[in-house]
Amino acid sequence: MERKQQVPAITQKTIEDYLFSSNTRLTDQQKKLFIQIALANNLNPFNREIYAVAYGQNFSIITGYQVYVKRAEASGKLNGWNVLSDGEKATITIWRKDFEQPIIWTVKKTDFDKQTGSWKTMPDFMLKKIAICQGFRMAFPNELASMPYGREEVDEH
């Protein structure tokens, strides 16, 4: 019998300590929302599993792409995965122990490339991160459906 790995519980104090120490400029209402989402998904901001990005009056709550892989592994159902990029698109293939066929998902550069920052210097890596986030949410909907999006999926401006 396969045993699921236990993810240590995150507390409100942990999240409040992070917000205090990170100088994240959020309103009180935004802080409350960030705390609720982190607690609901058991995401630790100190481990870069979740973070808030403020811009103007708005903000985004972001999940680190590694969280998707960790949660899938912790489910005991992951049977391997692979992601490849050709510079214009990235395709992820995810095998689950309880599915006969793999889940295959492709993302296109034209759908996400903002021509800024990391997209200019490492577009393949950015494409792969989006494929990982989206592919794992599709392959593990019960474990990952309520997670905030990965940074690369969110248009912050």
N, C-alpha and C. Protein backbone atom coordinates (compact mmCIF):
# COMPACT_ATOMS: atom_id res chain seq x y z
N MET A 1 0.84 -1.18 0.00
CA MET A 1 0.00 0.00 0.00
C MET A 1 0.88 1.25 0.00
N GLU A 2 0.59 2.15 -0.89
CA GLU A 2 1.35 3.39 -1.03
C GLU A 2 0.95 4.37 0.07
N ARG A 3 1.93 5.00 0.71
CA ARG A 3 1.64 5.99 1.75
C ARG A 3 1.83 7.38 1.22
N LYS A 4 0.90 8.24 1.51
CA LYS A 4 1.02 9.64 1.13
C LYS A 4 1.95 10.35 2.10
N GLN A 5 2.79 11.24 1.56
CA GLN A 5 3.65 12.05 2.41
C GLN A 5 2.80 13.13 3.07
N GLN A 6 3.10 13.42 4.32
CA GLN A 6 2.38 14.47 5.03
C GLN A 6 3.08 15.81 4.83
N VAL A 7 2.31 16.84 4.49
CA VAL A 7 2.83 18.19 4.35
C VAL A 7 2.63 18.89 5.68
N PRO A 8 3.71 19.44 6.29
CA PRO A 8 3.55 20.11 7.58
C PRO A 8 2.52 21.25 7.49
N ALA A 9 1.70 21.39 8.51
CA ALA A 9 0.67 22.42 8.52
C ALA A 9 1.29 23.81 8.67
N ILE A 10 0.76 24.75 7.91
CA ILE A 10 1.18 26.15 7.96
C ILE A 10 0.22 26.87 8.90
N THR A 11 0.76 27.77 9.72
CA THR A 11 -0.07 28.50 10.67
C THR A 11 -0.23 29.95 10.24
N GLN A 12 -1.24 30.59 10.78
CA GLN A 12 -1.46 32.01 10.50
C GLN A 12 -0.26 32.83 10.97
N LYS A 13 0.33 32.46 12.09
CA LYS A 13 1.50 33.19 12.60
C LYS A 13 2.66 33.12 11.62
N THR A 14 2.89 31.95 11.02
CA THR A 14 3.96 31.81 10.03
C THR A 14 3.76 32.80 8.89
N ILE A 15 2.54 32.89 8.40
CA ILE A 15 2.24 33.77 7.27
C ILE A 15 2.34 35.23 7.68
N GLU A 16 1.84 35.58 8.85
CA GLU A 16 1.94 36.96 9.33
C GLU A 16 3.40 37.36 9.54
N ASP A 17 4.22 36.44 10.06
CA ASP A 17 5.66 36.71 10.21
C ASP A 17 6.30 36.99 8.87
N TYR A 18 5.90 36.23 7.86
CA TYR A 18 6.44 36.43 6.52
C TYR A 18 6.05 37.82 6.00
N LEU A 19 4.78 38.16 6.11
CA LEU A 19 4.33 39.47 5.61
C LEU A 19 5.04 40.61 6.33
N PHE A 20 5.28 40.45 7.63
CA PHE A 20 5.98 41.48 8.41
C PHE A 20 7.43 41.59 7.95
N SER A 21 8.09 40.47 7.71
CA SER A 21 9.51 40.48 7.39
C SER A 21 9.81 40.77 5.92
N SER A 22 8.82 40.64 5.04
CA SER A 22 9.08 40.77 3.61
C SER A 22 8.86 42.17 3.06
N ASN A 23 8.34 43.08 3.87
CA ASN A 23 8.02 44.43 3.41
C ASN A 23 7.08 44.44 2.22
N THR A 24 6.23 43.43 2.12
CA THR A 24 5.24 43.39 1.06
C THR A 24 4.21 44.46 1.34
N ARG A 25 4.02 45.34 0.39
CA ARG A 25 3.10 46.47 0.58
C ARG A 25 1.69 46.08 0.14
N LEU A 26 0.95 45.54 1.09
CA LEU A 26 -0.42 45.14 0.83
C LEU A 26 -1.33 45.88 1.78
N THR A 27 -2.56 46.11 1.35
CA THR A 27 -3.56 46.68 2.25
C THR A 27 -3.94 45.60 3.26
N ASP A 28 -4.64 45.99 4.31
CA ASP A 28 -5.09 45.01 5.31
C ASP A 28 -5.99 43.96 4.67
N GLN A 29 -6.85 44.38 3.77
CA GLN A 29 -7.75 43.44 3.10
C GLN A 29 -6.96 42.46 2.22
N GLN A 30 -5.94 42.95 1.52
CA GLN A 30 -5.10 42.08 0.70
C GLN A 30 -4.32 41.10 1.56
N LYS A 31 -3.83 41.57 2.72
CA LYS A 31 -3.11 40.67 3.63
C LYS A 31 -4.03 39.56 4.12
N LYS A 32 -5.27 39.91 4.46
CA LYS A 32 -6.22 38.90 4.93
C LYS A 32 -6.48 37.85 3.86
N LEU A 33 -6.65 38.30 2.61
CA LEU A 33 -6.88 37.37 1.51
C LEU A 33 -5.67 36.46 1.30
N PHE A 34 -4.47 37.05 1.34
CA PHE A 34 -3.24 36.28 1.19
C PHE A 34 -3.15 35.20 2.28
N ILE A 35 -3.43 35.58 3.51
CA ILE A 35 -3.38 34.64 4.64
C ILE A 35 -4.39 33.52 4.45
N GLN A 36 -5.62 33.87 4.06
CA GLN A 36 -6.66 32.86 3.87
C GLN A 36 -6.28 31.86 2.77
N ILE A 37 -5.75 32.35 1.66
CA ILE A 37 -5.37 31.46 0.55
C ILE A 37 -4.19 30.58 0.95
N ALA A 38 -3.21 31.17 1.63
CA ALA A 38 -2.05 30.37 2.08
C ALA A 38 -2.49 29.27 3.04
N LEU A 39 -3.36 29.61 3.99
CA LEU A 39 -3.84 28.62 4.95
C LEU A 39 -4.69 27.54 4.28
N ALA A 40 -5.58 27.96 3.39
CA ALA A 40 -6.47 27.01 2.72
C ALA A 40 -5.69 25.98 1.90
N ASN A 41 -4.54 26.41 1.36
CA ASN A 41 -3.74 25.52 0.51
C ASN A 41 -2.47 25.03 1.19
N ASN A 42 -2.33 25.36 2.49
CA ASN A 42 -1.17 24.94 3.27
C ASN A 42 0.15 25.29 2.56
N LEU A 43 0.26 26.57 2.15
CA LEU A 43 1.44 27.05 1.43
C LEU A 43 2.30 27.92 2.34
N ASN A 44 3.60 27.63 2.37
CA ASN A 44 4.53 28.33 3.25
C ASN A 44 5.27 29.41 2.46
N PRO A 45 5.04 30.68 2.79
CA PRO A 45 5.71 31.76 2.05
C PRO A 45 7.22 31.79 2.28
N PHE A 46 7.70 31.32 3.43
CA PHE A 46 9.14 31.29 3.68
C PHE A 46 9.86 30.30 2.77
N ASN A 47 9.14 29.29 2.31
CA ASN A 47 9.71 28.32 1.38
C ASN A 47 9.44 28.70 -0.08
N ARG A 48 8.96 29.91 -0.30
CA ARG A 48 8.64 30.43 -1.63
C ARG A 48 7.56 29.60 -2.33
N GLU A 49 6.67 29.04 -1.53
CA GLU A 49 5.55 28.30 -2.10
C GLU A 49 4.45 29.25 -2.53
N ILE A 50 4.36 30.39 -1.88
CA ILE A 50 3.34 31.39 -2.20
C ILE A 50 3.94 32.76 -1.90
N TYR A 51 3.60 33.72 -2.75
CA TYR A 51 4.01 35.08 -2.47
C TYR A 51 3.06 36.05 -3.15
N ALA A 52 3.06 37.28 -2.66
CA ALA A 52 2.20 38.31 -3.20
C ALA A 52 3.05 39.31 -3.97
N VAL A 53 2.52 39.74 -5.10
CA VAL A 53 3.18 40.75 -5.91
C VAL A 53 2.23 41.92 -6.02
N ALA A 54 2.61 43.04 -5.41
CA ALA A 54 1.78 44.24 -5.43
C ALA A 54 2.22 45.14 -6.58
N TYR A 55 1.24 45.73 -7.26
CA TYR A 55 1.52 46.69 -8.33
C TYR A 55 0.35 47.67 -8.36
N GLY A 56 0.68 48.94 -8.07
CA GLY A 56 -0.37 49.95 -7.98
C GLY A 56 -1.34 49.59 -6.88
N GLN A 57 -2.62 49.66 -7.18
CA GLN A 57 -3.67 49.30 -6.22
C GLN A 57 -3.99 47.81 -6.25
N ASN A 58 -3.39 47.08 -7.17
CA ASN A 58 -3.70 45.67 -7.35
C ASN A 58 -2.58 44.79 -6.83
N PHE A 59 -2.85 43.50 -6.76
CA PHE A 59 -1.83 42.54 -6.39
C PHE A 59 -2.22 41.17 -6.91
N SER A 60 -1.23 40.31 -7.04
CA SER A 60 -1.46 38.93 -7.45
C SER A 60 -0.89 38.01 -6.38
N ILE A 61 -1.58 36.91 -6.17
CA ILE A 61 -1.08 35.87 -5.28
C ILE A 61 -0.56 34.76 -6.18
N ILE A 62 0.71 34.40 -5.97
CA ILE A 62 1.42 33.52 -6.88
C ILE A 62 1.86 32.26 -6.14
N THR A 63 1.78 31.12 -6.83
CA THR A 63 2.29 29.85 -6.31
C THR A 63 3.59 29.53 -7.03
N GLY A 64 4.61 29.12 -6.30
CA GLY A 64 5.86 28.67 -6.91
C GLY A 64 5.61 27.39 -7.69
N TYR A 65 6.19 27.29 -8.88
CA TYR A 65 5.90 26.14 -9.75
C TYR A 65 6.31 24.81 -9.13
N GLN A 66 7.31 24.80 -8.24
CA GLN A 66 7.76 23.55 -7.63
C GLN A 66 6.68 22.94 -6.73
N VAL A 67 5.77 23.77 -6.23
CA VAL A 67 4.70 23.28 -5.36
C VAL A 67 3.84 22.24 -6.09
N TYR A 68 3.59 22.48 -7.36
CA TYR A 68 2.76 21.55 -8.13
C TYR A 68 3.39 20.16 -8.17
N VAL A 69 4.70 20.11 -8.40
CA VAL A 69 5.41 18.83 -8.46
C VAL A 69 5.42 18.18 -7.08
N LYS A 70 5.73 18.96 -6.03
CA LYS A 70 5.77 18.41 -4.67
C LYS A 70 4.42 17.82 -4.26
N ARG A 71 3.34 18.53 -4.54
CA ARG A 71 2.01 18.05 -4.15
C ARG A 71 1.62 16.80 -4.94
N ALA A 72 1.99 16.76 -6.21
CA ALA A 72 1.70 15.56 -7.01
C ALA A 72 2.49 14.38 -6.46
N GLU A 73 3.75 14.58 -6.12
CA GLU A 73 4.56 13.51 -5.52
C GLU A 73 3.97 13.05 -4.19
N ALA A 74 3.53 14.00 -3.39
CA ALA A 74 2.97 13.68 -2.07
C ALA A 74 1.67 12.87 -2.19
N SER A 75 0.99 12.97 -3.32
CA SER A 75 -0.26 12.23 -3.50
C SER A 75 -0.02 10.73 -3.61
N GLY A 76 1.21 10.35 -3.98
CA GLY A 76 1.50 8.93 -4.19
C GLY A 76 1.04 8.42 -5.54
N LYS A 77 0.47 9.30 -6.38
CA LYS A 77 -0.08 8.89 -7.67
C LYS A 77 0.82 9.26 -8.86
N LEU A 78 1.82 10.07 -8.63
CA LEU A 78 2.70 10.49 -9.72
C LEU A 78 3.62 9.34 -10.11
N ASN A 79 3.70 9.08 -11.42
CA ASN A 79 4.53 7.99 -11.91
C ASN A 79 5.56 8.49 -12.91
N GLY A 80 5.87 9.79 -12.85
CA GLY A 80 6.87 10.38 -13.71
C GLY A 80 6.32 11.52 -14.54
N TRP A 81 7.23 12.36 -15.02
CA TRP A 81 6.83 13.47 -15.88
C TRP A 81 8.03 13.95 -16.67
N ASN A 82 7.74 14.66 -17.76
CA ASN A 82 8.78 15.20 -18.63
C ASN A 82 8.23 16.45 -19.30
N VAL A 83 9.06 17.47 -19.42
CA VAL A 83 8.64 18.68 -20.12
C VAL A 83 9.74 19.08 -21.10
N LEU A 84 9.32 19.39 -22.33
CA LEU A 84 10.25 19.77 -23.39
C LEU A 84 9.78 21.07 -24.04
N SER A 85 10.75 21.89 -24.46
CA SER A 85 10.44 23.14 -25.14
C SER A 85 11.27 23.24 -26.41
N ASP A 86 10.64 23.76 -27.48
CA ASP A 86 11.38 24.00 -28.72
C ASP A 86 11.57 25.50 -28.97
N GLY A 87 11.29 26.31 -27.95
CA GLY A 87 11.43 27.75 -28.09
C GLY A 87 10.12 28.45 -28.45
N GLU A 88 9.20 27.75 -29.07
CA GLU A 88 7.92 28.32 -29.45
C GLU A 88 6.76 27.72 -28.65
N LYS A 89 6.99 26.53 -28.16
CA LYS A 89 5.97 25.86 -27.33
C LYS A 89 6.67 24.90 -26.38
N ALA A 90 5.98 24.59 -25.28
CA ALA A 90 6.48 23.59 -24.32
C ALA A 90 5.38 22.57 -24.11
N THR A 91 5.79 21.31 -24.05
CA THR A 91 4.84 20.22 -23.84
C THR A 91 5.27 19.42 -22.63
N ILE A 92 4.31 19.20 -21.73
CA ILE A 92 4.56 18.37 -20.55
C ILE A 92 3.77 17.07 -20.71
N THR A 93 4.40 15.99 -20.32
CA THR A 93 3.76 14.68 -20.27
C THR A 93 3.86 14.20 -18.83
N ILE A 94 2.70 13.85 -18.26
CA ILE A 94 2.63 13.42 -16.86
C ILE A 94 1.99 12.04 -16.81
N TRP A 95 2.68 11.12 -16.16
CA TRP A 95 2.16 9.77 -15.97
C TRP A 95 1.67 9.63 -14.54
N ARG A 96 0.44 9.14 -14.41
CA ARG A 96 -0.13 8.83 -13.09
C ARG A 96 -0.22 7.32 -12.96
N LYS A 97 -0.02 6.83 -11.76
CA LYS A 97 -0.09 5.39 -11.49
C LYS A 97 -1.50 4.84 -11.70
N ASP A 98 -2.50 5.69 -11.55
CA ASP A 98 -3.88 5.23 -11.64
C ASP A 98 -4.55 5.58 -12.97
N PHE A 99 -3.79 6.05 -13.97
CA PHE A 99 -4.33 6.35 -15.30
C PHE A 99 -3.64 5.44 -16.32
N GLU A 100 -4.38 4.99 -17.30
CA GLU A 100 -3.78 4.17 -18.35
C GLU A 100 -2.95 5.02 -19.31
N GLN A 101 -3.42 6.21 -19.63
CA GLN A 101 -2.75 7.09 -20.59
C GLN A 101 -2.14 8.29 -19.87
N PRO A 102 -1.02 8.81 -20.39
CA PRO A 102 -0.45 10.01 -19.77
C PRO A 102 -1.27 11.25 -20.10
N ILE A 103 -1.12 12.27 -19.30
CA ILE A 103 -1.71 13.57 -19.57
C ILE A 103 -0.66 14.35 -20.34
N ILE A 104 -1.02 14.90 -21.49
CA ILE A 104 -0.09 15.66 -22.31
C ILE A 104 -0.69 17.05 -22.52
N TRP A 105 0.10 18.09 -22.23
CA TRP A 105 -0.39 19.45 -22.33
C TRP A 105 0.68 20.32 -22.98
N THR A 106 0.27 21.19 -23.90
CA THR A 106 1.19 22.08 -24.60
C THR A 106 0.78 23.53 -24.40
N VAL A 107 1.77 24.39 -24.15
CA VAL A 107 1.54 25.84 -24.08
C VAL A 107 2.37 26.52 -25.16
N LYS A 108 1.83 27.62 -25.69
CA LYS A 108 2.50 28.36 -26.75
C LYS A 108 3.13 29.63 -26.20
N LYS A 109 4.30 29.94 -26.69
CA LYS A 109 5.02 31.16 -26.29
C LYS A 109 4.18 32.40 -26.58
N THR A 110 3.50 32.41 -27.72
CA THR A 110 2.72 33.59 -28.11
C THR A 110 1.59 33.90 -27.14
N ASP A 111 1.15 32.91 -26.38
CA ASP A 111 0.07 33.12 -25.42
C ASP A 111 0.53 33.78 -24.13
N PHE A 112 1.85 33.74 -23.85
CA PHE A 112 2.33 34.20 -22.55
C PHE A 112 3.49 35.18 -22.59
N ASP A 113 4.28 35.19 -23.64
CA ASP A 113 5.50 35.99 -23.69
C ASP A 113 5.18 37.48 -23.63
N LYS A 114 5.70 38.14 -22.58
CA LYS A 114 5.46 39.58 -22.37
C LYS A 114 6.61 40.43 -22.90
N GLN A 115 7.62 39.76 -23.49
CA GLN A 115 8.79 40.47 -24.02
C GLN A 115 9.50 41.29 -22.96
N THR A 116 9.44 40.85 -21.70
CA THR A 116 10.09 41.55 -20.60
C THR A 116 10.86 40.57 -19.74
N GLY A 117 11.77 41.08 -18.94
CA GLY A 117 12.47 40.31 -17.92
C GLY A 117 12.98 38.97 -18.39
N SER A 118 12.58 37.93 -17.66
CA SER A 118 13.04 36.57 -17.92
C SER A 118 12.60 36.05 -19.28
N TRP A 119 11.53 36.58 -19.84
CA TRP A 119 11.10 36.14 -21.17
C TRP A 119 12.15 36.48 -22.22
N LYS A 120 12.91 37.55 -22.00
CA LYS A 120 13.95 37.92 -22.95
C LYS A 120 15.19 37.03 -22.80
N THR A 121 15.52 36.62 -21.59
CA THR A 121 16.76 35.90 -21.34
C THR A 121 16.61 34.39 -21.27
N MET A 122 15.45 33.89 -20.85
CA MET A 122 15.27 32.43 -20.74
C MET A 122 13.84 32.02 -21.08
N PRO A 123 13.44 32.24 -22.34
CA PRO A 123 12.06 31.93 -22.73
C PRO A 123 11.71 30.45 -22.63
N ASP A 124 12.66 29.56 -22.90
CA ASP A 124 12.37 28.12 -22.78
C ASP A 124 12.00 27.74 -21.36
N PHE A 125 12.77 28.27 -20.40
CA PHE A 125 12.49 27.97 -18.99
C PHE A 125 11.12 28.52 -18.59
N MET A 126 10.80 29.71 -19.04
CA MET A 126 9.50 30.31 -18.72
C MET A 126 8.37 29.44 -19.29
N LEU A 127 8.52 29.01 -20.53
CA LEU A 127 7.51 28.14 -21.14
C LEU A 127 7.35 26.84 -20.35
N LYS A 128 8.47 26.26 -19.96
CA LYS A 128 8.42 25.01 -19.19
C LYS A 128 7.69 25.21 -17.87
N LYS A 129 7.94 26.32 -17.19
CA LYS A 129 7.27 26.57 -15.91
C LYS A 129 5.77 26.68 -16.08
N ILE A 130 5.32 27.33 -17.14
CA ILE A 130 3.88 27.42 -17.39
C ILE A 130 3.30 26.04 -17.69
N ALA A 131 3.99 25.26 -18.50
CA ALA A 131 3.52 23.91 -18.81
C ALA A 131 3.43 23.07 -17.54
N ILE A 132 4.41 23.21 -16.65
CA ILE A 132 4.38 22.46 -15.39
C ILE A 132 3.16 22.85 -14.57
N CYS A 133 2.95 24.15 -14.37
CA CYS A 133 1.81 24.61 -13.56
C CYS A 133 0.49 24.11 -14.14
N GLN A 134 0.27 24.36 -15.41
CA GLN A 134 -1.00 24.00 -16.02
C GLN A 134 -1.18 22.49 -16.13
N GLY A 135 -0.12 21.80 -16.54
CA GLY A 135 -0.21 20.35 -16.70
C GLY A 135 -0.50 19.63 -15.40
N PHE A 136 0.21 20.04 -14.33
CA PHE A 136 -0.02 19.37 -13.05
C PHE A 136 -1.39 19.70 -12.48
N ARG A 137 -1.91 20.92 -12.70
CA ARG A 137 -3.28 21.22 -12.24
C ARG A 137 -4.28 20.33 -12.96
N MET A 138 -4.04 20.07 -14.25
CA MET A 138 -4.95 19.20 -15.00
C MET A 138 -4.83 17.75 -14.56
N ALA A 139 -3.61 17.29 -14.33
CA ALA A 139 -3.38 15.89 -13.98
C ALA A 139 -3.77 15.56 -12.54
N PHE A 140 -3.72 16.56 -11.66
CA PHE A 140 -4.02 16.35 -10.24
C PHE A 140 -5.04 17.40 -9.76
N PRO A 141 -6.24 17.39 -10.32
CA PRO A 141 -7.22 18.42 -9.98
C PRO A 141 -7.64 18.41 -8.51
N ASN A 142 -7.76 17.25 -7.89
CA ASN A 142 -8.16 17.20 -6.48
C ASN A 142 -7.11 17.79 -5.56
N GLU A 143 -5.85 17.63 -5.91
CA GLU A 143 -4.76 18.11 -5.07
C GLU A 143 -4.37 19.56 -5.37
N LEU A 144 -4.65 20.04 -6.59
CA LEU A 144 -4.09 21.33 -7.02
C LEU A 144 -5.08 22.35 -7.56
N ALA A 145 -6.33 22.01 -7.69
CA ALA A 145 -7.29 22.89 -8.36
C ALA A 145 -7.43 24.26 -7.70
N SER A 146 -7.29 24.35 -6.39
CA SER A 146 -7.51 25.64 -5.71
C SER A 146 -6.24 26.46 -5.57
N MET A 147 -5.11 25.97 -6.09
CA MET A 147 -3.85 26.71 -5.98
C MET A 147 -3.89 27.98 -6.82
N PRO A 148 -3.30 29.07 -6.30
CA PRO A 148 -3.14 30.25 -7.16
C PRO A 148 -2.24 29.91 -8.34
N TYR A 149 -2.35 30.67 -9.39
CA TYR A 149 -1.55 30.44 -10.59
C TYR A 149 -0.07 30.69 -10.35
N GLY A 150 0.75 30.13 -11.23
CA GLY A 150 2.17 30.42 -11.22
C GLY A 150 2.43 31.81 -11.75
N ARG A 151 3.52 32.42 -11.36
CA ARG A 151 3.82 33.80 -11.74
C ARG A 151 3.79 34.02 -13.25
N GLU A 152 4.31 33.09 -14.01
CA GLU A 152 4.39 33.24 -15.46
C GLU A 152 3.02 33.25 -16.13
N GLU A 153 2.02 32.70 -15.43
CA GLU A 153 0.66 32.65 -16.00
C GLU A 153 -0.12 33.94 -15.76
N VAL A 154 0.35 34.78 -14.87
CA VAL A 154 -0.39 35.96 -14.45
C VAL A 154 0.17 37.19 -15.13
N ASP A 155 -0.71 37.94 -15.80
CA ASP A 155 -0.30 39.22 -16.36
C ASP A 155 -0.44 40.26 -15.27
N GLU A 156 0.70 40.67 -14.72
CA GLU A 156 0.68 41.53 -13.55
C GLU A 156 0.40 42.99 -13.87
N HIS A 157 0.38 43.36 -15.12
CA HIS A 157 0.21 44.78 -15.43
C HIS A 157 -0.99 44.96 -16.30
